Amino acid sequence: MEASLLDLVFLSEKREKFLLLLREGPKSIKEIENSLNYSSTSVQPQIKILKERYLLYREDNK
């Protein structure tokens, strides 16, 4: 069974923080890593999940 969007976001503290940060505006991967104090290996899977569910897109390296 596929998780609902709410489950997708709120069952992961990283994804929740990630999306809250992006409410402020577009960020580069480095800006996200630095702001949230996460490593790139921690950020990349979250990006993939959010892009697959159309909650995130990339534009101009942000």
C-alpha atoms as a PDB file:
ATOM      1  CA  MET A   1       0.000   0.000   0.000  1.00  0.00           C
ATOM      2  CA  GLU A   2       1.316   3.439  -0.943  1.00  0.00           C
ATOM      3  CA  ALA A   3       1.751   5.945   1.885  1.00  0.00           C
ATOM      4  CA  SER A   4      -0.382   9.064   1.890  1.00  0.00           C
ATOM      5  CA  LEU A   5       1.336  12.396   1.339  1.00  0.00           C
ATOM      6  CA  LEU A   6       0.840  13.271   5.006  1.00  0.00           C
ATOM      7  CA  ASP A   7       2.505  10.032   6.071  1.00  0.00           C
ATOM      8  CA  LEU A   8       5.279  10.606   3.568  1.00  0.00           C
ATOM      9  CA  VAL A   9       6.054  14.010   5.052  1.00  0.00           C
ATOM     10  CA  PHE A  10       5.296  13.687   8.749  1.00  0.00           C
ATOM     11  CA  LEU A  11       6.614  10.192   9.427  1.00  0.00           C
ATOM     12  CA  SER A  12      10.078  11.424   8.523  1.00  0.00           C
ATOM     13  CA  GLU A  13      11.550  14.222  10.588  1.00  0.00           C
ATOM     14  CA  LYS A  14      14.102  14.890   7.834  1.00  0.00           C
ATOM     15  CA  ARG A  15      11.485  15.301   5.115  1.00  0.00           C
ATOM     16  CA  GLU A  16       9.384  17.504   7.363  1.00  0.00           C
ATOM     17  CA  LYS A  17      12.330  19.803   8.155  1.00  0.00           C
ATOM     18  CA  PHE A  18      13.362  19.728   4.514  1.00  0.00           C
ATOM     19  CA  LEU A  19       9.965  20.940   3.283  1.00  0.00           C
ATOM     20  CA  LEU A  20       9.641  23.545   6.027  1.00  0.00           C
ATOM     21  CA  LEU A  21      13.013  24.952   5.022  1.00  0.00           C
ATOM     22  CA  LEU A  22      11.955  25.109   1.374  1.00  0.00           C
ATOM     23  CA  ARG A  23       8.867  27.143   2.306  1.00  0.00           C
ATOM     24  CA  GLU A  24      11.302  30.042   2.689  1.00  0.00           C
ATOM     25  CA  GLY A  25      12.221  29.734  -0.987  1.00  0.00           C
ATOM     26  CA  PRO A  26      14.418  27.728  -3.345  1.00  0.00           C
ATOM     27  CA  LYS A  27      17.658  26.345  -1.922  1.00  0.00           C
ATOM     28  CA  SER A  28      20.640  24.571  -3.410  1.00  0.00           C
ATOM     29  CA  ILE A  29      21.567  21.157  -2.066  1.00  0.00           C
ATOM     30  CA  LYS A  30      24.539  22.702  -0.255  1.00  0.00           C
ATOM     31  CA  GLU A  31      22.274  25.313   1.357  1.00  0.00           C
ATOM     32  CA  ILE A  32      19.935  22.558   2.536  1.00  0.00           C
ATOM     33  CA  GLU A  33      22.795  20.478   3.910  1.00  0.00           C
ATOM     34  CA  ASN A  34      24.251  23.462   5.769  1.00  0.00           C
ATOM     35  CA  SER A  35      20.937  24.787   7.095  1.00  0.00           C
ATOM     36  CA  LEU A  36      19.784  21.423   8.413  1.00  0.00           C
ATOM     37  CA  ASN A  37      23.244  20.119   9.282  1.00  0.00           C
ATOM     38  CA  TYR A  38      22.681  16.974   7.177  1.00  0.00           C
ATOM     39  CA  SER A  39      25.186  15.155   5.002  1.00  0.00           C
ATOM     40  CA  SER A  40      24.679  14.787   1.258  1.00  0.00           C
ATOM     41  CA  THR A  41      24.109  11.046   1.748  1.00  0.00           C
ATOM     42  CA  SER A  42      21.258  11.945   4.078  1.00  0.00           C
ATOM     43  CA  VAL A  43      19.733  14.599   1.802  1.00  0.00           C
ATOM     44  CA  GLN A  44      19.837  12.748  -1.537  1.00  0.00           C
ATOM     45  CA  PRO A  45      17.362   9.957  -0.643  1.00  0.00           C
ATOM     46  CA  GLN A  46      14.905  12.531   0.705  1.00  0.00           C
ATOM     47  CA  ILE A  47      15.143  14.522  -2.521  1.00  0.00           C
ATOM     48  CA  LYS A  48      14.465  11.394  -4.551  1.00  0.00           C
ATOM     49  CA  ILE A  49      11.393  10.470  -2.495  1.00  0.00           C
ATOM     50  CA  LEU A  50       9.939  13.982  -2.649  1.00  0.00           C
ATOM     51  CA  LYS A  51      10.565  14.268  -6.403  1.00  0.00           C
ATOM     52  CA  GLU A  52       8.875  10.911  -7.033  1.00  0.00           C
ATOM     53  CA  ARG A  53       5.739  12.212  -5.270  1.00  0.00           C
ATOM     54  CA  TYR A  54       5.881  15.570  -7.103  1.00  0.00           C
ATOM     55  CA  LEU A  55       6.483  17.542  -3.910  1.00  0.00           C
ATOM     56  CA  LEU A  56       9.799  18.860  -5.130  1.00  0.00           C
ATOM     57  CA  TYR A  57      11.367  19.906  -8.394  1.00  0.00           C
ATOM     58  CA  ARG A  58      14.714  21.316  -9.467  1.00  0.00           C
ATOM     59  CA  GLU A  59      15.141  24.600 -11.252  1.00  0.00           C
ATOM     60  CA  ASP A  60      18.399  26.481 -11.849  1.00  0.00           C
ATOM     61  CA  ASN A  61      20.357  24.186  -9.452  1.00  0.00           C
ATOM     62  CA  LYS A  62      17.921  24.960  -6.639  1.00  0.00           C
END
